[in-house]
N, C-alpha and C. Protein backbone atom coordinates (compact mmCIF):
# COMPACT_ATOMS: atom_id res chain seq x y z
N MET A 1 76.38 129.19 96.72
CA MET A 1 76.07 127.79 97.04
C MET A 1 77.07 126.87 96.36
N GLU A 2 77.15 125.66 96.88
CA GLU A 2 77.96 124.65 96.22
C GLU A 2 77.31 123.29 96.37
N CYS A 3 77.62 122.39 95.45
CA CYS A 3 77.17 121.00 95.51
C CYS A 3 78.40 120.14 95.75
N VAL A 4 78.28 119.16 96.63
CA VAL A 4 79.47 118.38 97.00
C VAL A 4 79.13 116.94 97.34
N VAL A 5 80.05 116.04 96.96
CA VAL A 5 80.01 114.65 97.41
C VAL A 5 81.43 114.26 97.80
N GLN A 6 81.53 113.27 98.69
CA GLN A 6 82.84 112.82 99.16
C GLN A 6 82.88 111.30 99.18
N GLY A 7 84.10 110.78 99.18
CA GLY A 7 84.31 109.34 99.30
C GLY A 7 85.74 109.08 99.71
N ILE A 8 86.06 107.83 99.97
CA ILE A 8 87.43 107.47 100.34
C ILE A 8 87.94 106.38 99.40
N ILE A 9 89.26 106.34 99.26
CA ILE A 9 89.89 105.33 98.42
C ILE A 9 91.22 104.94 99.05
N GLU A 10 91.58 103.69 98.91
CA GLU A 10 92.87 103.24 99.44
C GLU A 10 93.99 103.87 98.61
N THR A 11 95.06 104.26 99.31
CA THR A 11 96.18 104.93 98.64
C THR A 11 96.75 104.10 97.50
N GLN A 12 96.72 102.78 97.63
CA GLN A 12 97.28 101.92 96.58
C GLN A 12 96.50 102.02 95.26
N HIS A 13 95.26 102.54 95.31
CA HIS A 13 94.45 102.65 94.09
C HIS A 13 94.38 104.08 93.56
N VAL A 14 95.09 105.02 94.21
CA VAL A 14 95.02 106.42 93.80
C VAL A 14 95.60 106.63 92.40
N GLU A 15 96.67 105.93 92.07
CA GLU A 15 97.26 106.09 90.74
C GLU A 15 96.27 105.68 89.65
N ALA A 16 95.52 104.61 89.90
CA ALA A 16 94.51 104.18 88.93
C ALA A 16 93.41 105.22 88.80
N LEU A 17 93.01 105.82 89.94
CA LEU A 17 91.99 106.87 89.90
C LEU A 17 92.49 108.08 89.11
N GLU A 18 93.76 108.41 89.27
CA GLU A 18 94.32 109.53 88.53
C GLU A 18 94.30 109.25 87.03
N ILE A 19 94.62 108.02 86.64
CA ILE A 19 94.58 107.65 85.22
C ILE A 19 93.16 107.78 84.68
N LEU A 20 92.18 107.32 85.47
CA LEU A 20 90.79 107.41 85.05
C LEU A 20 90.36 108.87 84.91
N LEU A 21 90.69 109.69 85.89
CA LEU A 21 90.30 111.10 85.84
C LEU A 21 90.97 111.81 84.67
N GLN A 22 92.23 111.48 84.42
CA GLN A 22 92.94 112.09 83.29
C GLN A 22 92.23 111.78 81.98
N GLY A 23 91.80 110.54 81.82
CA GLY A 23 91.10 110.15 80.61
C GLY A 23 89.72 110.77 80.49
N LEU A 24 89.01 110.86 81.62
CA LEU A 24 87.66 111.41 81.61
C LEU A 24 87.64 112.92 81.41
N CYS A 25 88.57 113.61 82.07
CA CYS A 25 88.54 115.07 82.08
C CYS A 25 89.27 115.70 80.90
N GLY A 26 90.33 115.03 80.43
CA GLY A 26 91.08 115.59 79.32
C GLY A 26 91.90 116.81 79.68
N VAL A 27 92.17 117.00 80.99
CA VAL A 27 93.00 118.13 81.43
C VAL A 27 94.09 117.58 82.35
N ARG A 28 95.13 118.37 82.53
CA ARG A 28 96.21 117.95 83.42
C ARG A 28 95.83 118.21 84.88
N ARG A 29 96.35 117.38 85.73
CA ARG A 29 96.10 117.56 87.17
C ARG A 29 96.92 118.73 87.70
N GLU A 30 96.46 119.28 88.82
CA GLU A 30 97.20 120.31 89.52
C GLU A 30 97.63 119.75 90.88
N ARG A 31 98.84 120.05 91.28
CA ARG A 31 99.31 119.60 92.58
C ARG A 31 98.56 120.33 93.68
N LEU A 32 98.30 119.63 94.76
CA LEU A 32 97.52 120.19 95.86
C LEU A 32 98.32 120.08 97.16
N ARG A 33 98.51 121.20 97.79
CA ARG A 33 99.14 121.26 99.11
C ARG A 33 98.51 122.43 99.84
N VAL A 34 97.55 122.13 100.69
CA VAL A 34 96.72 123.17 101.30
C VAL A 34 96.76 123.07 102.83
N HIS A 35 97.06 124.20 103.45
CA HIS A 35 97.03 124.31 104.91
C HIS A 35 95.67 124.88 105.28
N GLU A 36 94.91 124.16 106.10
CA GLU A 36 93.55 124.55 106.45
C GLU A 36 93.43 124.73 107.96
N ILE A 37 93.01 125.91 108.37
CA ILE A 37 92.83 126.23 109.79
C ILE A 37 91.35 126.44 110.06
N CYS A 38 90.80 125.67 110.99
CA CYS A 38 89.38 125.77 111.33
C CYS A 38 89.25 126.57 112.63
N LEU A 39 88.46 127.64 112.56
CA LEU A 39 88.22 128.50 113.72
C LEU A 39 86.76 128.47 114.10
N LYS A 40 86.49 128.54 115.41
CA LYS A 40 85.12 128.60 115.89
C LYS A 40 84.95 129.83 116.77
N SER A 41 83.75 130.41 116.70
CA SER A 41 83.49 131.66 117.42
C SER A 41 83.42 131.42 118.92
N GLY A 42 83.78 132.44 119.68
CA GLY A 42 83.69 132.39 121.13
C GLY A 42 82.32 132.86 121.59
N PRO A 43 82.04 132.77 122.90
CA PRO A 43 80.72 133.16 123.44
C PRO A 43 80.40 134.63 123.25
N ASN A 44 81.43 135.45 123.07
CA ASN A 44 81.19 136.90 122.89
C ASN A 44 80.59 137.23 121.54
N LEU A 45 80.57 136.24 120.63
CA LEU A 45 80.04 136.48 119.28
C LEU A 45 78.62 135.95 119.08
N GLY A 46 77.97 135.59 120.17
CA GLY A 46 76.59 135.12 120.06
C GLY A 46 76.41 133.69 120.52
N ALA A 47 75.15 133.32 120.74
CA ALA A 47 74.85 131.99 121.26
C ALA A 47 75.04 130.90 120.22
N VAL A 48 74.83 131.26 118.95
CA VAL A 48 74.95 130.27 117.89
C VAL A 48 76.41 130.23 117.41
N ALA A 49 77.02 129.06 117.50
CA ALA A 49 78.43 128.92 117.11
C ALA A 49 78.61 129.14 115.61
N SER A 50 79.68 129.81 115.26
CA SER A 50 80.01 130.06 113.87
C SER A 50 81.38 129.45 113.58
N GLU A 51 81.55 128.90 112.38
CA GLU A 51 82.81 128.26 112.01
C GLU A 51 83.30 128.83 110.69
N VAL A 52 84.57 129.19 110.65
CA VAL A 52 85.19 129.63 109.40
C VAL A 52 86.47 128.83 109.18
N ARG A 53 86.82 128.68 107.94
CA ARG A 53 88.06 127.97 107.59
C ARG A 53 88.98 128.91 106.82
N LEU A 54 90.21 128.99 107.28
CA LEU A 54 91.23 129.77 106.60
C LEU A 54 92.08 128.80 105.81
N ILE A 55 92.17 129.01 104.52
CA ILE A 55 92.82 128.06 103.63
C ILE A 55 93.98 128.73 102.91
N CYS A 56 95.15 128.13 103.01
CA CYS A 56 96.33 128.67 102.36
C CYS A 56 96.87 127.67 101.34
N ASN A 57 96.98 128.12 100.10
CA ASN A 57 97.51 127.29 99.03
C ASN A 57 99.04 127.37 99.06
N LEU A 58 99.69 126.31 99.55
CA LEU A 58 101.14 126.31 99.70
C LEU A 58 101.87 125.99 98.40
N GLU A 59 101.12 125.64 97.34
CA GLU A 59 101.74 125.33 96.05
C GLU A 59 102.11 126.59 95.29
N GLN A 60 101.50 127.70 95.64
CA GLN A 60 101.79 128.94 94.93
C GLN A 60 103.11 129.53 95.40
N THR A 61 103.78 130.24 94.49
CA THR A 61 105.05 130.87 94.81
C THR A 61 104.89 131.82 96.00
N GLU A 62 103.80 132.60 95.96
CA GLU A 62 103.46 133.49 97.07
C GLU A 62 102.16 132.96 97.67
N PRO A 63 102.25 132.19 98.78
CA PRO A 63 101.05 131.58 99.37
C PRO A 63 99.95 132.61 99.62
N THR A 64 98.74 132.26 99.22
CA THR A 64 97.60 133.16 99.40
C THR A 64 96.57 132.52 100.32
N TRP A 65 95.88 133.37 101.08
CA TRP A 65 94.88 132.90 102.03
C TRP A 65 93.47 133.15 101.50
N THR A 66 92.59 132.20 101.79
CA THR A 66 91.17 132.32 101.45
C THR A 66 90.35 132.06 102.70
N VAL A 67 89.33 132.87 102.92
CA VAL A 67 88.39 132.64 104.03
C VAL A 67 87.16 131.95 103.46
N ARG A 68 86.80 130.83 104.05
CA ARG A 68 85.63 130.08 103.58
C ARG A 68 84.66 129.86 104.74
N HIS A 69 83.43 130.26 104.53
CA HIS A 69 82.38 130.02 105.52
C HIS A 69 81.34 129.10 104.91
N ILE A 70 81.18 127.92 105.50
CA ILE A 70 80.20 126.95 105.01
C ILE A 70 78.96 127.02 105.88
N GLY A 71 77.83 127.33 105.25
CA GLY A 71 76.58 127.46 105.98
C GLY A 71 75.80 126.16 106.00
N GLY A 72 74.51 126.29 106.23
CA GLY A 72 73.65 125.12 106.35
C GLY A 72 73.36 124.44 105.02
N ALA A 73 73.05 123.15 105.12
CA ALA A 73 72.69 122.39 103.92
C ALA A 73 71.22 122.56 103.60
N MET A 74 70.88 122.39 102.33
CA MET A 74 69.49 122.46 101.91
C MET A 74 68.71 121.34 102.60
N ARG A 75 67.52 121.66 103.08
CA ARG A 75 66.69 120.69 103.79
C ARG A 75 65.38 120.46 103.06
N GLY A 76 64.64 119.47 103.55
CA GLY A 76 63.34 119.20 102.96
C GLY A 76 63.32 117.90 102.17
N ALA A 77 62.13 117.53 101.71
CA ALA A 77 61.95 116.27 100.98
C ALA A 77 62.81 116.23 99.72
N GLY A 78 62.90 117.36 99.04
CA GLY A 78 63.69 117.39 97.81
C GLY A 78 65.16 117.12 98.06
N ALA A 79 65.68 117.67 99.15
CA ALA A 79 67.10 117.47 99.48
C ALA A 79 67.39 116.03 99.85
N GLU A 80 66.44 115.39 100.52
CA GLU A 80 66.64 114.01 100.95
C GLU A 80 66.65 113.03 99.77
N GLN A 81 66.02 113.41 98.69
CA GLN A 81 65.90 112.50 97.54
C GLN A 81 67.10 112.55 96.60
N ILE A 82 67.99 113.50 96.80
CA ILE A 82 69.17 113.58 95.94
C ILE A 82 70.41 113.11 96.70
N SER A 83 71.38 112.58 95.96
CA SER A 83 72.57 112.00 96.58
C SER A 83 73.71 113.00 96.72
N VAL A 84 73.45 114.25 96.35
CA VAL A 84 74.46 115.30 96.42
C VAL A 84 74.05 116.32 97.47
N LEU A 85 74.99 116.77 98.29
CA LEU A 85 74.71 117.79 99.30
C LEU A 85 74.75 119.17 98.66
N VAL A 86 73.71 119.95 98.89
CA VAL A 86 73.65 121.33 98.41
C VAL A 86 73.70 122.23 99.64
N ARG A 87 74.68 123.13 99.71
CA ARG A 87 74.85 123.96 100.90
C ARG A 87 75.31 125.37 100.52
N THR A 88 75.07 126.29 101.43
CA THR A 88 75.55 127.65 101.19
C THR A 88 77.04 127.72 101.51
N MET A 89 77.75 128.54 100.77
CA MET A 89 79.19 128.67 100.96
C MET A 89 79.63 130.05 100.46
N VAL A 90 80.34 130.76 101.31
CA VAL A 90 80.87 132.07 100.95
C VAL A 90 82.38 132.00 101.06
N GLU A 91 83.06 132.51 100.02
CA GLU A 91 84.52 132.42 99.98
C GLU A 91 85.09 133.75 99.49
N SER A 92 86.17 134.17 100.11
CA SER A 92 86.81 135.42 99.68
C SER A 92 88.30 135.39 99.98
N LYS A 93 89.07 136.14 99.20
CA LYS A 93 90.51 136.22 99.40
C LYS A 93 90.81 137.06 100.64
N ALA A 94 91.96 136.79 101.26
CA ALA A 94 92.32 137.51 102.47
C ALA A 94 93.83 137.73 102.51
N SER A 95 94.26 138.65 103.36
CA SER A 95 95.68 138.93 103.51
C SER A 95 96.30 137.93 104.47
N LYS A 96 97.63 137.96 104.58
CA LYS A 96 98.33 137.04 105.46
C LYS A 96 98.08 137.33 106.94
N ASN A 97 97.46 138.47 107.23
CA ASN A 97 97.15 138.84 108.62
C ASN A 97 95.76 138.37 109.04
N VAL A 98 95.11 137.57 108.21
CA VAL A 98 93.71 137.21 108.47
C VAL A 98 93.55 136.42 109.76
N LEU A 99 94.52 135.56 110.11
CA LEU A 99 94.40 134.77 111.34
C LEU A 99 94.41 135.69 112.56
N ARG A 100 95.29 136.67 112.55
CA ARG A 100 95.36 137.62 113.66
C ARG A 100 94.05 138.38 113.80
N LEU A 101 93.43 138.72 112.67
CA LEU A 101 92.15 139.43 112.69
C LEU A 101 91.06 138.60 113.36
N PHE A 102 90.94 137.32 112.97
CA PHE A 102 89.89 136.48 113.55
C PHE A 102 90.14 136.20 115.03
N TYR A 103 91.40 136.09 115.43
CA TYR A 103 91.70 135.96 116.86
C TYR A 103 91.23 137.20 117.62
N ALA A 104 91.45 138.38 117.03
CA ALA A 104 91.04 139.64 117.66
C ALA A 104 89.52 139.73 117.77
N LEU A 105 88.82 139.12 116.82
CA LEU A 105 87.36 139.13 116.84
C LEU A 105 86.78 138.17 117.87
N GLY A 106 87.61 137.28 118.39
CA GLY A 106 87.13 136.35 119.41
C GLY A 106 87.02 134.91 118.95
N TYR A 107 87.50 134.61 117.74
CA TYR A 107 87.49 133.23 117.27
C TYR A 107 88.65 132.45 117.91
N LYS A 108 88.44 131.15 118.09
CA LYS A 108 89.45 130.29 118.68
C LYS A 108 89.82 129.17 117.70
N LEU A 109 91.08 128.73 117.77
CA LEU A 109 91.53 127.63 116.92
C LEU A 109 90.85 126.33 117.35
N ASP A 110 90.19 125.66 116.39
CA ASP A 110 89.56 124.37 116.68
C ASP A 110 90.50 123.24 116.26
N HIS A 111 90.95 123.27 115.02
CA HIS A 111 91.93 122.30 114.54
C HIS A 111 92.54 122.79 113.24
N GLU A 112 93.62 122.20 112.82
CA GLU A 112 94.23 122.54 111.54
C GLU A 112 94.69 121.27 110.84
N LEU A 113 94.64 121.32 109.52
CA LEU A 113 94.96 120.16 108.69
C LEU A 113 95.86 120.56 107.54
N LEU A 114 96.55 119.58 107.00
CA LEU A 114 97.32 119.75 105.77
C LEU A 114 96.82 118.71 104.78
N ARG A 115 96.33 119.18 103.65
CA ARG A 115 95.84 118.28 102.60
C ARG A 115 96.86 118.25 101.47
N VAL A 116 97.31 117.06 101.11
CA VAL A 116 98.33 116.90 100.07
C VAL A 116 97.83 115.91 99.02
N GLY A 117 97.87 116.32 97.76
CA GLY A 117 97.41 115.42 96.71
C GLY A 117 97.37 116.13 95.36
N PHE A 118 96.23 116.00 94.67
CA PHE A 118 96.10 116.65 93.36
C PHE A 118 94.63 116.97 93.10
N ALA A 119 94.42 117.81 92.10
CA ALA A 119 93.06 118.23 91.75
C ALA A 119 92.91 118.32 90.24
N PHE A 120 91.69 118.10 89.77
CA PHE A 120 91.33 118.30 88.37
C PHE A 120 90.20 119.32 88.32
N HIS A 121 90.32 120.32 87.43
CA HIS A 121 89.28 121.32 87.21
C HIS A 121 88.84 121.20 85.75
N PHE A 122 87.56 121.01 85.51
CA PHE A 122 87.10 120.80 84.13
C PHE A 122 85.63 121.16 83.99
N GLN A 123 85.19 121.26 82.75
CA GLN A 123 83.81 121.59 82.42
C GLN A 123 83.08 120.33 81.99
N ARG A 124 81.99 120.05 82.66
CA ARG A 124 81.18 118.87 82.30
C ARG A 124 79.73 119.19 82.64
N GLY A 125 79.08 119.99 81.79
CA GLY A 125 77.74 120.46 82.09
C GLY A 125 77.79 121.64 83.05
N THR A 126 78.80 121.65 83.90
CA THR A 126 79.07 122.75 84.83
C THR A 126 80.56 122.67 85.18
N GLN A 127 81.06 123.66 85.89
CA GLN A 127 82.47 123.65 86.29
C GLN A 127 82.63 122.73 87.51
N ILE A 128 83.36 121.63 87.34
CA ILE A 128 83.51 120.63 88.39
C ILE A 128 84.97 120.56 88.82
N THR A 129 85.18 120.38 90.12
CA THR A 129 86.51 120.18 90.67
C THR A 129 86.55 118.86 91.42
N VAL A 130 87.55 118.04 91.12
CA VAL A 130 87.77 116.78 91.83
C VAL A 130 89.11 116.89 92.56
N THR A 131 89.10 116.70 93.87
CA THR A 131 90.34 116.70 94.64
C THR A 131 90.55 115.33 95.28
N VAL A 132 91.79 114.88 95.25
CA VAL A 132 92.19 113.60 95.87
C VAL A 132 93.35 113.93 96.79
N SER A 133 93.18 113.69 98.08
CA SER A 133 94.22 114.14 99.01
C SER A 133 94.30 113.27 100.26
N SER A 134 95.52 113.21 100.80
CA SER A 134 95.70 112.62 102.12
C SER A 134 95.50 113.76 103.12
N VAL A 135 94.79 113.46 104.20
CA VAL A 135 94.51 114.47 105.23
C VAL A 135 95.48 114.25 106.38
N ASN A 136 96.23 115.30 106.71
CA ASN A 136 97.26 115.19 107.73
C ASN A 136 97.00 116.16 108.88
N LYS A 137 97.38 115.77 110.07
CA LYS A 137 97.25 116.64 111.24
C LYS A 137 98.62 117.14 111.67
N MET A 138 98.63 118.29 112.31
CA MET A 138 99.86 118.89 112.79
C MET A 138 100.12 118.48 114.24
N LEU A 139 101.36 118.03 114.51
CA LEU A 139 101.73 117.66 115.86
C LEU A 139 102.06 118.89 116.69
N GLN A 140 102.47 119.97 116.00
CA GLN A 140 102.73 121.23 116.66
C GLN A 140 102.03 122.33 115.87
N LEU A 141 101.72 123.43 116.54
CA LEU A 141 100.97 124.52 115.93
C LEU A 141 101.63 125.01 114.63
N HIS A 142 100.86 124.94 113.53
CA HIS A 142 101.27 125.43 112.21
C HIS A 142 102.50 124.71 111.63
N ALA A 143 102.90 123.58 112.20
CA ALA A 143 104.09 122.87 111.73
C ALA A 143 103.73 121.95 110.56
N THR A 144 103.54 122.53 109.39
CA THR A 144 103.11 121.75 108.23
C THR A 144 104.16 120.73 107.79
N ASP A 145 105.43 121.01 108.04
CA ASP A 145 106.49 120.09 107.63
C ASP A 145 106.54 118.83 108.50
N GLU A 146 105.83 118.86 109.63
CA GLU A 146 105.83 117.71 110.54
C GLU A 146 104.47 117.03 110.59
N ALA A 147 103.62 117.30 109.61
CA ALA A 147 102.27 116.74 109.61
C ALA A 147 102.30 115.23 109.38
N VAL A 148 101.38 114.51 110.03
CA VAL A 148 101.28 113.06 109.89
C VAL A 148 99.85 112.70 109.45
N PRO A 149 99.68 111.61 108.67
CA PRO A 149 98.35 111.25 108.16
C PRO A 149 97.34 110.96 109.28
N VAL A 150 96.12 111.43 109.08
CA VAL A 150 95.04 111.13 110.02
C VAL A 150 94.57 109.69 109.82
N THR A 151 94.46 109.27 108.57
CA THR A 151 94.04 107.91 108.23
C THR A 151 95.07 107.32 107.26
N PRO A 152 96.15 106.75 107.77
CA PRO A 152 97.19 106.17 106.88
C PRO A 152 96.60 105.14 105.93
N GLY A 153 97.01 105.22 104.66
CA GLY A 153 96.53 104.25 103.67
C GLY A 153 95.20 104.59 103.04
N ILE A 154 94.57 105.70 103.49
CA ILE A 154 93.27 106.10 102.95
C ILE A 154 93.36 107.56 102.50
N GLN A 155 92.79 107.87 101.33
CA GLN A 155 92.75 109.25 100.86
C GLN A 155 91.31 109.69 100.62
N LEU A 156 91.10 110.99 100.78
CA LEU A 156 89.77 111.58 100.63
C LEU A 156 89.58 112.08 99.20
N VAL A 157 88.44 111.76 98.62
CA VAL A 157 88.09 112.24 97.28
C VAL A 157 86.85 113.13 97.42
N GLU A 158 86.93 114.32 96.85
CA GLU A 158 85.81 115.26 96.94
C GLU A 158 85.51 115.83 95.56
N VAL A 159 84.22 115.85 95.22
CA VAL A 159 83.76 116.42 93.95
C VAL A 159 82.86 117.60 94.29
N THR A 160 83.22 118.79 93.81
CA THR A 160 82.45 119.99 94.12
C THR A 160 82.14 120.77 92.85
N ALA A 161 81.10 121.59 92.94
CA ALA A 161 80.74 122.47 91.82
C ALA A 161 79.94 123.64 92.38
N PRO A 162 80.21 124.85 91.88
CA PRO A 162 79.43 126.01 92.33
C PRO A 162 78.01 125.92 91.80
N ALA A 163 77.06 126.51 92.55
CA ALA A 163 75.66 126.46 92.14
C ALA A 163 74.93 127.70 92.66
N THR A 164 73.74 127.90 92.13
CA THR A 164 72.86 128.96 92.60
C THR A 164 71.49 128.34 92.89
N SER A 165 70.62 129.13 93.50
CA SER A 165 69.27 128.62 93.81
C SER A 165 68.48 128.34 92.54
N GLU A 166 68.91 128.93 91.42
CA GLU A 166 68.20 128.73 90.15
C GLU A 166 68.69 127.49 89.39
N ASN A 167 69.99 127.14 89.54
CA ASN A 167 70.52 126.07 88.68
C ASN A 167 71.02 124.84 89.44
N TYR A 168 70.79 124.76 90.75
CA TYR A 168 71.39 123.66 91.51
C TYR A 168 70.92 122.29 91.05
N THR A 169 69.70 122.19 90.53
CA THR A 169 69.22 120.87 90.07
C THR A 169 70.05 120.38 88.88
N GLU A 170 70.42 121.29 87.98
CA GLU A 170 71.25 120.91 86.84
C GLU A 170 72.66 120.54 87.30
N VAL A 171 73.17 121.26 88.30
CA VAL A 171 74.51 120.97 88.83
C VAL A 171 74.52 119.61 89.53
N VAL A 172 73.50 119.33 90.30
CA VAL A 172 73.37 118.03 90.96
C VAL A 172 73.35 116.90 89.93
N ALA A 173 72.60 117.10 88.86
CA ALA A 173 72.52 116.09 87.80
C ALA A 173 73.89 115.88 87.14
N ALA A 174 74.63 116.97 86.92
CA ALA A 174 75.94 116.87 86.29
C ALA A 174 76.92 116.11 87.17
N ILE A 175 76.91 116.39 88.48
CA ILE A 175 77.80 115.68 89.41
C ILE A 175 77.42 114.21 89.50
N SER A 176 76.14 113.93 89.62
CA SER A 176 75.67 112.55 89.73
C SER A 176 76.07 111.74 88.50
N SER A 177 75.93 112.34 87.33
CA SER A 177 76.29 111.67 86.09
C SER A 177 77.78 111.38 86.05
N PHE A 178 78.60 112.35 86.45
CA PHE A 178 80.05 112.16 86.42
C PHE A 178 80.48 111.08 87.42
N CYS A 179 79.86 111.06 88.59
CA CYS A 179 80.26 110.11 89.63
C CYS A 179 80.03 108.66 89.23
N GLU A 180 79.10 108.43 88.29
CA GLU A 180 78.86 107.07 87.82
C GLU A 180 80.10 106.47 87.17
N TYR A 181 80.92 107.31 86.54
CA TYR A 181 82.14 106.83 85.89
C TYR A 181 83.18 106.38 86.92
N LEU A 182 83.08 106.92 88.14
CA LEU A 182 84.05 106.59 89.19
C LEU A 182 83.60 105.43 90.07
N ALA A 183 82.36 104.99 89.88
CA ALA A 183 81.75 103.99 90.76
C ALA A 183 82.56 102.69 90.95
N PRO A 184 83.25 102.18 89.90
CA PRO A 184 84.03 100.95 90.13
C PRO A 184 85.17 101.12 91.13
N LEU A 185 85.64 102.38 91.30
CA LEU A 185 86.77 102.62 92.20
C LEU A 185 86.35 103.14 93.57
N LEU A 186 85.30 103.94 93.63
CA LEU A 186 84.87 104.47 94.91
C LEU A 186 83.43 104.92 94.87
N HIS A 187 82.82 104.95 96.05
CA HIS A 187 81.44 105.40 96.17
C HIS A 187 81.44 106.81 96.74
N LEU A 188 80.75 107.71 96.08
CA LEU A 188 80.69 109.10 96.51
C LEU A 188 79.29 109.41 97.04
N SER A 189 79.23 110.06 98.19
CA SER A 189 77.95 110.38 98.82
C SER A 189 78.06 111.72 99.55
N LYS A 190 76.98 112.11 100.19
CA LYS A 190 76.99 113.37 100.94
C LYS A 190 78.02 113.31 102.06
N PRO A 191 78.73 114.42 102.33
CA PRO A 191 79.70 114.45 103.43
C PRO A 191 79.06 114.01 104.75
N GLY A 192 79.80 113.21 105.50
CA GLY A 192 79.29 112.73 106.77
C GLY A 192 78.63 111.38 106.69
N ILE A 193 78.38 110.90 105.48
CA ILE A 193 77.79 109.57 105.29
C ILE A 193 78.90 108.63 104.82
N SER A 194 79.40 107.82 105.74
CA SER A 194 80.52 106.94 105.42
C SER A 194 80.03 105.66 104.76
N THR A 195 80.59 105.35 103.59
CA THR A 195 80.19 104.13 102.87
C THR A 195 81.37 103.17 102.71
N GLY A 196 82.55 103.57 103.18
CA GLY A 196 83.71 102.70 103.10
C GLY A 196 84.26 102.58 101.69
N VAL A 197 85.21 101.66 101.55
CA VAL A 197 85.82 101.45 100.24
C VAL A 197 84.96 100.50 99.41
N VAL A 198 85.16 100.54 98.10
CA VAL A 198 84.36 99.73 97.17
C VAL A 198 85.02 98.37 96.96
N PRO A 199 84.26 97.27 97.08
CA PRO A 199 84.84 95.92 96.91
C PRO A 199 85.46 95.69 95.53
N THR A 200 84.95 96.39 94.52
CA THR A 200 85.45 96.19 93.15
C THR A 200 86.69 97.03 92.84
N ALA A 201 87.17 97.82 93.82
CA ALA A 201 88.24 98.77 93.55
C ALA A 201 89.52 98.10 93.06
N ALA A 202 89.91 96.99 93.68
CA ALA A 202 91.16 96.33 93.30
C ALA A 202 91.14 95.86 91.85
N ALA A 203 90.03 95.21 91.45
CA ALA A 203 89.92 94.71 90.08
C ALA A 203 89.84 95.87 89.09
N ALA A 204 89.09 96.92 89.44
CA ALA A 204 88.96 98.08 88.55
C ALA A 204 90.30 98.79 88.39
N ALA A 205 91.04 98.90 89.50
CA ALA A 205 92.35 99.55 89.45
C ALA A 205 93.32 98.77 88.59
N ALA A 206 93.32 97.45 88.72
CA ALA A 206 94.21 96.61 87.92
C ALA A 206 93.90 96.76 86.43
N SER A 207 92.62 96.83 86.10
CA SER A 207 92.21 96.99 84.71
C SER A 207 92.65 98.34 84.15
N LEU A 208 92.49 99.39 84.96
CA LEU A 208 92.89 100.73 84.53
C LEU A 208 94.39 100.83 84.33
N MET A 209 95.14 100.22 85.23
CA MET A 209 96.60 100.30 85.16
C MET A 209 97.11 99.59 83.90
N SER A 210 96.41 98.52 83.50
CA SER A 210 96.83 97.79 82.30
C SER A 210 96.38 98.48 81.02
N ASP A 211 95.19 99.15 81.10
CA ASP A 211 94.65 99.83 79.90
C ASP A 211 95.28 101.21 79.71
N GLY A 212 95.66 101.84 80.82
CA GLY A 212 96.27 103.16 80.72
C GLY A 212 95.30 104.31 80.69
N GLY A 213 94.02 104.09 81.03
CA GLY A 213 93.08 105.20 81.11
C GLY A 213 91.79 104.94 80.38
N GLY A 214 90.84 105.90 80.51
CA GLY A 214 89.53 105.77 79.89
C GLY A 214 89.38 106.70 78.73
N GLU A 215 88.16 106.84 78.25
CA GLU A 215 87.89 107.71 77.12
C GLU A 215 87.51 109.10 77.64
N GLU A 216 87.87 110.10 76.88
CA GLU A 216 87.56 111.46 77.28
C GLU A 216 86.07 111.72 77.09
N LEU A 217 85.49 112.40 78.07
CA LEU A 217 84.08 112.72 78.01
C LEU A 217 83.84 113.92 77.10
N SER A 218 82.71 113.93 76.47
CA SER A 218 82.33 115.11 75.70
C SER A 218 81.73 116.12 76.66
N SER A 219 81.87 117.40 76.33
CA SER A 219 81.40 118.46 77.21
C SER A 219 79.89 118.58 77.14
């Protein structure tokens, strides 16, 4: 399982967000350049559509592929009362021939994206990952060098953390607590719930740029 929230921020404020995250996390950022291929099952694989994502980390010397299957989100009154999405997720490493394998199984290409930006990985009550990236689409099949932004001037921010059925409430609390520190710059919510940019972002960004960062959080 994983817990996740998303939000958007104007590209002009990304540097201020990076300064804030650097101060809060106390770790160095990692460069992010990820090729993501979304596949959907064909009719021969059953009536219920299945979706898998093949993810290739292009920042590594030897690019590696990961297969990620995102299942259903937690439902019920308890799920509706929390601001973090809790969903099943299975992930595993794969060889460079994985795309050919899924094509042979009957999966079809739905879309592909290139995400470029940076990420922070740190411990804050739980292992949390924050990614900030521009989402780009390919004009030609697999042509990552020719990718163009889907939403020019806007970048996607995602906060995720692994969880289990036993500890997800603690993970949700940890993410919610951390997101409060980012509130002046952006609003984070469950994926699919668009809240737009934050009116206070410009003033908060100007303050951060002049101060040079925030205080490091205790673990």
